[in-house]
C-alpha atoms as a PDB file:
ATOM      1  CA  MET A   1     -50.037 123.945-123.861  1.00  0.00           C
ATOM      2  CA  TYR A   2     -49.617 126.675-120.570  1.00  0.00           C
ATOM      3  CA  ALA A   3     -50.855 126.924-117.211  1.00  0.00           C
ATOM      4  CA  ILE A   4     -50.703 129.140-114.874  1.00  0.00           C
ATOM      5  CA  VAL A   5     -49.648 127.789-111.152  1.00  0.00           C
ATOM      6  CA  LYS A   6     -49.988 128.782-107.876  1.00  0.00           C
ATOM      7  CA  ALA A   7     -46.003 128.633-106.212  1.00  0.00           C
ATOM      8  CA  GLY A   8     -45.433 130.237-103.615  1.00  0.00           C
ATOM      9  CA  GLY A   9     -47.426 132.726-102.487  1.00  0.00           C
ATOM     10  CA  ARG A  10     -47.523 134.451-106.437  1.00  0.00           C
ATOM     11  CA  GLN A  11     -48.351 133.484-109.540  1.00  0.00           C
ATOM     12  CA  GLU A  12     -45.937 131.748-112.033  1.00  0.00           C
ATOM     13  CA  LYS A  13     -46.937 131.182-115.841  1.00  0.00           C
ATOM     14  CA  VAL A  14     -45.549 127.566-117.426  1.00  0.00           C
ATOM     15  CA  ALA A  15     -44.857 125.260-119.884  1.00  0.00           C
ATOM     16  CA  VAL A  16     -43.584 121.492-119.983  1.00  0.00           C
ATOM     17  CA  GLY A  17     -39.309 121.880-119.379  1.00  0.00           C
ATOM     18  CA  ASP A  18     -39.458 125.472-118.405  1.00  0.00           C
ATOM     19  CA  THR A  19     -37.162 126.456-114.868  1.00  0.00           C
ATOM     20  CA  ILE A  20     -39.096 129.041-112.677  1.00  0.00           C
ATOM     21  CA  THR A  21     -37.274 129.932-108.982  1.00  0.00           C
ATOM     22  CA  VAL A  22     -40.194 129.913-106.314  1.00  0.00           C
ATOM     23  CA  ASP A  23     -39.803 130.826-102.625  1.00  0.00           C
ATOM     24  CA  ARG A  24     -38.259 127.464-100.826  1.00  0.00           C
ATOM     25  CA  ILE A  25     -39.557 124.720-100.809  1.00  0.00           C
ATOM     26  CA  ASP A  26     -38.582 122.098 -97.508  1.00  0.00           C
ATOM     27  CA  ALA A  27     -37.767 119.386 -99.894  1.00  0.00           C
ATOM     28  CA  LYS A  28     -34.579 117.495-101.398  1.00  0.00           C
ATOM     29  CA  VAL A  29     -33.105 118.168-104.408  1.00  0.00           C
ATOM     30  CA  GLY A  30     -33.896 115.496-106.713  1.00  0.00           C
ATOM     31  CA  ALA A  31     -37.662 115.266-105.684  1.00  0.00           C
ATOM     32  CA  SER A  32     -40.285 115.408-107.220  1.00  0.00           C
ATOM     33  CA  VAL A  33     -43.723 118.302-106.645  1.00  0.00           C
ATOM     34  CA  SER A  34     -46.839 119.176-107.413  1.00  0.00           C
ATOM     35  CA  PHE A  35     -48.356 122.370-107.990  1.00  0.00           C
ATOM     36  CA  PRO A  36     -52.123 123.540-108.171  1.00  0.00           C
ATOM     37  CA  ALA A  37     -53.283 124.785-111.735  1.00  0.00           C
ATOM     38  CA  LEU A  38     -55.658 127.961-111.736  1.00  0.00           C
ATOM     39  CA  LEU A  39     -55.363 128.298-115.670  1.00  0.00           C
ATOM     40  CA  LEU A  40     -54.897 126.041-118.351  1.00  0.00           C
ATOM     41  CA  VAL A  41     -54.421 127.380-121.818  1.00  0.00           C
ATOM     42  CA  GLU A  42     -54.401 124.597-124.928  1.00  0.00           C
ATOM     43  CA  GLY A  43     -53.836 125.967-128.092  1.00  0.00           C
ATOM     44  CA  ALA A  44     -57.302 127.979-128.385  1.00  0.00           C
ATOM     45  CA  ASN A  45     -58.774 126.968-125.489  1.00  0.00           C
ATOM     46  CA  VAL A  46     -58.481 128.841-121.484  1.00  0.00           C
ATOM     47  CA  THR A  47     -60.010 126.301-118.667  1.00  0.00           C
ATOM     48  CA  THR A  48     -60.874 128.277-116.040  1.00  0.00           C
ATOM     49  CA  ASP A  49     -63.476 125.797-113.616  1.00  0.00           C
ATOM     50  CA  PRO A  50     -62.357 125.288-110.415  1.00  0.00           C
ATOM     51  CA  LYS A  51     -63.546 122.090-110.767  1.00  0.00           C
ATOM     52  CA  THR A  52     -61.580 121.072-114.274  1.00  0.00           C
ATOM     53  CA  LEU A  53     -58.540 122.172-112.887  1.00  0.00           C
ATOM     54  CA  ALA A  54     -58.810 120.344-109.140  1.00  0.00           C
ATOM     55  CA  ALA A  55     -58.245 117.028-111.155  1.00  0.00           C
ATOM     56  CA  ILE A  56     -55.198 119.211-112.757  1.00  0.00           C
ATOM     57  CA  LYS A  57     -51.770 118.912-111.450  1.00  0.00           C
ATOM     58  CA  VAL A  58     -48.199 120.545-113.016  1.00  0.00           C
ATOM     59  CA  ALA A  59     -45.033 117.698-111.737  1.00  0.00           C
ATOM     60  CA  GLY A  60     -42.042 119.003-111.008  1.00  0.00           C
ATOM     61  CA  GLU A  61     -38.362 118.441-109.930  1.00  0.00           C
ATOM     62  CA  ILE A  62     -36.067 120.134-107.219  1.00  0.00           C
ATOM     63  CA  LEU A  63     -32.877 121.389-109.242  1.00  0.00           C
ATOM     64  CA  GLU A  64     -31.207 123.162-106.610  1.00  0.00           C
ATOM     65  CA  GLU A  65     -31.783 125.588-103.246  1.00  0.00           C
ATOM     66  CA  THR A  66     -30.728 129.046-104.361  1.00  0.00           C
ATOM     67  CA  LYS A  67     -30.578 132.785-101.865  1.00  0.00           C
ATOM     68  CA  GLY A  68     -32.104 135.622-103.838  1.00  0.00           C
ATOM     69  CA  PRO A  69     -29.654 138.788-104.059  1.00  0.00           C
ATOM     70  CA  LYS A  70     -29.309 141.027-100.854  1.00  0.00           C
ATOM     71  CA  ILE A  71     -31.440 143.622 -99.800  1.00  0.00           C
ATOM     72  CA  ASP A  72     -29.858 146.546 -97.442  1.00  0.00           C
ATOM     73  CA  ILE A  73     -32.807 148.050 -95.238  1.00  0.00           C
ATOM     74  CA  LEU A  74     -31.082 150.962 -93.568  1.00  0.00           C
ATOM     75  CA  ARG A  75     -33.025 153.025 -91.240  1.00  0.00           C
ATOM     76  CA  TYR A  76     -31.937 156.516 -90.532  1.00  0.00           C
ATOM     77  CA  LYS A  77     -33.007 159.789 -87.697  1.00  0.00           C
ATOM     78  CA  ASN A  78     -32.329 163.188 -88.824  1.00  0.00           C
ATOM     79  CA  LYS A  79     -29.957 164.331 -85.439  1.00  0.00           C
ATOM     80  CA  THR A  80     -30.880 162.187 -83.630  1.00  0.00           C
ATOM     81  CA  GLY A  81     -27.566 159.836 -84.138  1.00  0.00           C
ATOM     82  CA  TYR A  82     -30.550 156.848 -85.135  1.00  0.00           C
ATOM     83  CA  ARG A  83     -29.233 154.482 -87.730  1.00  0.00           C
ATOM     84  CA  ARG A  84     -30.010 150.998 -88.246  1.00  0.00           C
ATOM     85  CA  ARG A  85     -28.424 149.253 -90.850  1.00  0.00           C
ATOM     86  CA  GLN A  86     -30.212 145.058 -91.349  1.00  0.00           C
ATOM     87  CA  GLY A  87     -29.657 142.234 -94.651  1.00  0.00           C
ATOM     88  CA  PHE A  88     -31.894 140.363 -95.998  1.00  0.00           C
ATOM     89  CA  ARG A  89     -31.439 137.552 -98.154  1.00  0.00           C
ATOM     90  CA  SER A  90     -34.369 135.222 -99.349  1.00  0.00           C
ATOM     91  CA  GLN A  91     -34.272 131.783 -99.638  1.00  0.00           C
ATOM     92  CA  LEU A  92     -35.954 130.297-103.241  1.00  0.00           C
ATOM     93  CA  THR A  93     -36.325 127.183-104.657  1.00  0.00           C
ATOM     94  CA  ARG A  94     -35.156 126.230-108.526  1.00  0.00           C
ATOM     95  CA  VAL A  95     -38.099 124.267-110.119  1.00  0.00           C
ATOM     96  CA  LYS A  96     -37.446 122.186-113.714  1.00  0.00           C
ATOM     97  CA  ILE A  97     -41.960 121.582-114.874  1.00  0.00           C
ATOM     98  CA  THR A  98     -41.603 117.925-116.214  1.00  0.00           C
ATOM     99  CA  ALA A  99     -44.924 117.289-117.041  1.00  0.00           C
ATOM    100  CA  ILE A 100     -48.791 118.755-116.580  1.00  0.00           C
ATOM    101  CA  SER A 101     -51.475 115.945-116.568  1.00  0.00           C
ATOM    102  CA  LYS A 102     -55.177 116.792-117.782  1.00  0.00           C
END
């Protein structure tokens, strides 16, 4: 059995025991979080009904907070002396899926 959940502005395919990396969640390490299910696949049965999916919760436990890879942003215009340099690293959270409840 696996589910498609909405996590951090994206959709992730998860099963019990999987570890996923999502955008930063404001909670402490070891805390439990739940994600809303968008689709549930159990063998040959596929559940897509919103009323049924509203009762299904996917629970997870926060493992750690990490940072993504560094992205270098460079802006340059020819013959004008215009140069700008900027960097960015996204804040991420690793979550282990512990249960998919019906």
